[in-house]
N, C-alpha and C. Protein backbone atom coordinates (compact mmCIF):
# COMPACT_ATOMS: atom_id res chain seq x y z
N MET A 1 1.06 -1.50 -0.10
CA MET A 1 -0.05 -0.06 0.10
C MET A 1 0.84 0.94 -0.18
N SER A 2 2.40 1.21 0.45
CA SER A 2 2.79 2.62 0.62
C SER A 2 3.15 3.05 -0.61
N ARG A 3 3.94 1.40 -0.93
CA ARG A 3 4.43 2.07 -2.39
C ARG A 3 3.37 2.28 -3.15
N THR A 4 2.45 1.88 -3.59
CA THR A 4 1.27 2.86 -4.26
C THR A 4 1.15 4.18 -4.14
N LEU A 5 0.57 3.80 -2.87
CA LEU A 5 0.74 6.19 -2.53
C LEU A 5 2.06 6.47 -2.79
N ILE A 6 3.18 6.06 -2.58
CA ILE A 6 4.48 6.75 -2.73
C ILE A 6 3.95 7.16 -4.44
N ILE A 7 4.12 6.34 -5.88
CA ILE A 7 4.08 6.34 -6.79
C ILE A 7 2.94 7.12 -7.38
N ILE A 8 1.47 7.15 -6.37
CA ILE A 8 0.46 8.00 -7.11
C ILE A 8 1.32 9.42 -6.55
N GLY A 9 1.54 9.72 -5.70
CA GLY A 9 2.54 11.11 -5.15
C GLY A 9 3.66 11.50 -6.18
N LEU A 10 4.20 10.58 -6.58
CA LEU A 10 5.17 11.04 -7.52
C LEU A 10 4.70 11.78 -9.25
N VAL A 11 3.33 10.70 -9.75
CA VAL A 11 2.66 10.38 -10.62
C VAL A 11 2.03 12.21 -10.47
N ILE A 12 2.09 12.36 -9.16
CA ILE A 12 0.96 14.37 -9.17
C ILE A 12 2.53 15.19 -9.72
N VAL A 13 3.14 14.67 -8.40
CA VAL A 13 4.52 15.87 -8.67
C VAL A 13 5.13 16.04 -9.91
N ALA A 14 4.97 14.52 -11.17
CA ALA A 14 5.38 14.80 -12.60
C ALA A 14 4.51 15.61 -12.95
N VAL A 15 3.46 15.18 -12.81
CA VAL A 15 2.45 15.63 -13.79
C VAL A 15 1.90 17.11 -12.81
N GLY A 16 2.60 17.66 -11.95
CA GLY A 16 2.72 19.50 -12.01
C GLY A 16 3.90 20.21 -12.35
N ILE A 17 5.05 19.07 -12.39
CA ILE A 17 5.96 20.13 -12.62
C ILE A 17 5.94 19.87 -14.72
N LEU A 18 5.57 19.22 -15.01
CA LEU A 18 5.17 19.21 -16.58
C LEU A 18 4.18 19.86 -17.58
N TRP A 19 3.17 20.21 -16.69
CA TRP A 19 1.54 20.54 -16.55
C TRP A 19 2.12 22.07 -17.58
N PRO A 20 3.32 23.14 -17.69
CA PRO A 20 3.12 24.22 -18.94
C PRO A 20 3.39 23.71 -20.19
N TRP A 21 3.91 22.03 -20.01
CA TRP A 21 4.40 21.34 -21.55
C TRP A 21 2.97 20.42 -21.83
N LEU A 22 2.22 20.39 -20.74
CA LEU A 22 1.00 19.37 -21.24
C LEU A 22 -0.66 20.15 -21.83
N ALA A 23 -0.29 21.74 -20.54
CA ALA A 23 -0.89 22.82 -21.45
C ALA A 23 -1.46 22.65 -22.39
N ARG A 24 -0.10 22.88 -23.37
CA ARG A 24 0.28 23.39 -24.65
C ARG A 24 -0.29 21.99 -25.65
N LEU A 25 -0.51 20.69 -25.00
CA LEU A 25 -1.18 20.02 -25.99
C LEU A 25 -2.68 20.19 -25.91
N GLY A 26 -3.62 20.44 -25.13
CA GLY A 26 -4.79 21.24 -24.95
C GLY A 26 -5.24 20.03 -24.02
N LEU A 27 -4.37 19.99 -23.05
CA LEU A 27 -5.10 19.18 -21.83
C LEU A 27 -5.39 20.34 -21.30
N GLY A 28 -6.55 20.26 -20.52
CA GLY A 28 -7.17 21.22 -19.77
C GLY A 28 -8.16 21.92 -20.55
N ARG A 29 -8.18 21.78 -21.67
CA ARG A 29 -9.20 22.55 -22.70
C ARG A 29 -9.86 21.72 -23.30
N LEU A 30 -10.20 20.41 -23.13
CA LEU A 30 -10.76 19.35 -23.99
C LEU A 30 -12.44 19.65 -24.56
N PRO A 31 -13.18 18.86 -25.20
CA PRO A 31 -14.35 19.33 -25.06
C PRO A 31 -15.02 18.90 -24.38
N GLY A 32 -15.97 19.09 -23.55
CA GLY A 32 -16.25 18.85 -22.19
C GLY A 32 -16.36 19.16 -20.82
N ASP A 33 -14.84 19.88 -21.19
CA ASP A 33 -14.46 20.30 -20.29
C ASP A 33 -15.08 21.91 -19.94
N ILE A 34 -15.85 22.52 -19.04
CA ILE A 34 -16.51 23.33 -18.54
C ILE A 34 -15.77 24.86 -18.14
N LEU A 35 -16.33 25.83 -18.83
CA LEU A 35 -15.49 26.73 -18.08
C LEU A 35 -16.82 28.08 -18.36
N ILE A 36 -16.41 29.00 -17.69
CA ILE A 36 -17.79 29.80 -17.32
C ILE A 36 -17.19 30.73 -16.71
N GLN A 37 -17.04 31.52 -17.60
CA GLN A 37 -16.19 33.72 -17.35
C GLN A 37 -17.08 34.17 -17.08
N ARG A 38 -17.02 35.01 -16.09
CA ARG A 38 -18.01 36.76 -15.87
C ARG A 38 -17.22 37.32 -15.31
N GLU A 39 -17.44 38.72 -15.08
CA GLU A 39 -16.56 40.04 -15.05
C GLU A 39 -15.56 39.41 -13.79
N ASN A 40 -15.82 39.25 -12.55
CA ASN A 40 -15.41 38.59 -11.00
C ASN A 40 -15.81 37.20 -10.75
N PHE A 41 -15.96 36.83 -11.86
CA PHE A 41 -15.79 35.00 -11.43
C PHE A 41 -15.18 34.35 -12.48
N THR A 42 -14.71 33.11 -11.75
CA THR A 42 -14.25 32.32 -12.92
C THR A 42 -14.91 31.09 -13.14
N PHE A 43 -15.29 29.68 -13.18
CA PHE A 43 -15.38 28.94 -12.87
C PHE A 43 -15.09 27.50 -13.86
N TYR A 44 -14.68 26.65 -13.51
CA TYR A 44 -14.32 25.35 -14.47
C TYR A 44 -14.02 24.53 -13.54
N LEU A 45 -14.35 22.97 -14.86
CA LEU A 45 -15.40 22.19 -13.93
C LEU A 45 -14.30 20.98 -15.41
N PRO A 46 -12.82 20.20 -15.30
CA PRO A 46 -12.59 19.47 -15.84
C PRO A 46 -13.31 18.10 -16.29
N ILE A 47 -13.93 18.02 -16.31
CA ILE A 47 -14.69 16.84 -16.51
C ILE A 47 -14.49 15.91 -17.52
N THR A 48 -13.83 15.87 -18.66
CA THR A 48 -13.28 15.75 -19.38
C THR A 48 -11.83 14.88 -19.26
N THR A 49 -11.42 15.71 -18.63
CA THR A 49 -9.35 15.96 -18.42
C THR A 49 -9.79 14.56 -17.05
N GLY A 50 -10.62 15.44 -16.42
CA GLY A 50 -10.62 14.38 -15.09
C GLY A 50 -10.91 12.48 -15.49
N LEU A 51 -11.82 12.48 -16.67
CA LEU A 51 -11.58 11.26 -17.11
C LEU A 51 -10.69 10.53 -17.86
N LEU A 52 -10.23 11.47 -18.55
CA LEU A 52 -8.77 10.88 -18.84
C LEU A 52 -7.83 10.56 -18.25
N PHE A 53 -7.44 11.74 -17.25
CA PHE A 53 -6.69 11.11 -16.14
C PHE A 53 -6.92 10.01 -15.30
N SER A 54 -8.64 10.26 -14.89
CA SER A 54 -8.82 8.83 -13.86
C SER A 54 -7.72 7.24 -15.18
N PHE A 55 -8.32 7.11 -16.30
CA PHE A 55 -8.58 6.00 -17.25
C PHE A 55 -7.08 5.97 -17.01
N VAL A 56 -6.22 7.32 -17.36
CA VAL A 56 -4.84 6.18 -17.86
C VAL A 56 -4.03 6.52 -16.32
N LEU A 57 -4.56 6.81 -15.30
CA LEU A 57 -4.09 6.43 -13.70
C LEU A 57 -4.54 4.87 -13.15
N SER A 58 -5.92 4.27 -13.39
CA SER A 58 -6.01 3.58 -13.33
C SER A 58 -5.61 2.53 -14.57
N LEU A 59 -5.20 2.49 -15.81
CA LEU A 59 -4.85 1.76 -16.88
C LEU A 59 -3.11 1.57 -16.47
N ILE A 60 -2.25 2.89 -15.31
CA ILE A 60 -0.76 2.24 -15.51
C ILE A 60 -0.81 1.24 -13.93
N LEU A 61 -2.18 1.98 -12.48
CA LEU A 61 -1.54 1.35 -11.93
C LEU A 61 -2.12 -0.40 -12.06
N TRP A 62 -2.85 -0.76 -13.23
CA TRP A 62 -3.52 -1.73 -13.55
C TRP A 62 -2.16 -3.03 -14.47
N LEU A 63 -1.25 -2.10 -14.82
CA LEU A 63 -0.43 -2.41 -15.31
C LEU A 63 1.03 -2.97 -14.18
N ILE A 64 0.98 -1.87 -13.32
CA ILE A 64 1.69 -2.60 -11.85
C ILE A 64 1.93 -3.79 -11.39
N ASN A 65 0.23 -3.33 -11.07
CA ASN A 65 -0.21 -4.80 -9.86
C ASN A 65 -0.50 -6.28 -10.55
N ARG A 66 -0.09 -6.13 -12.36
CA ARG A 66 -0.38 -7.49 -12.69
C ARG A 66 0.58 -8.37 -12.73
């Protein structure tokens, strides 16, 4: 269990460090992501991006545990 948590933490850190380059690929602005902008308010709900990250992370963990 601790090894899995360490791997998840490292993946989160890597995504955080690589986010400027990942944003250039269009992640965070996929169809299905909700963005509402008003004068003093911005609401962002990354539904599709979250589903994509969930699928990729599930696939990686499945391959590790296999």
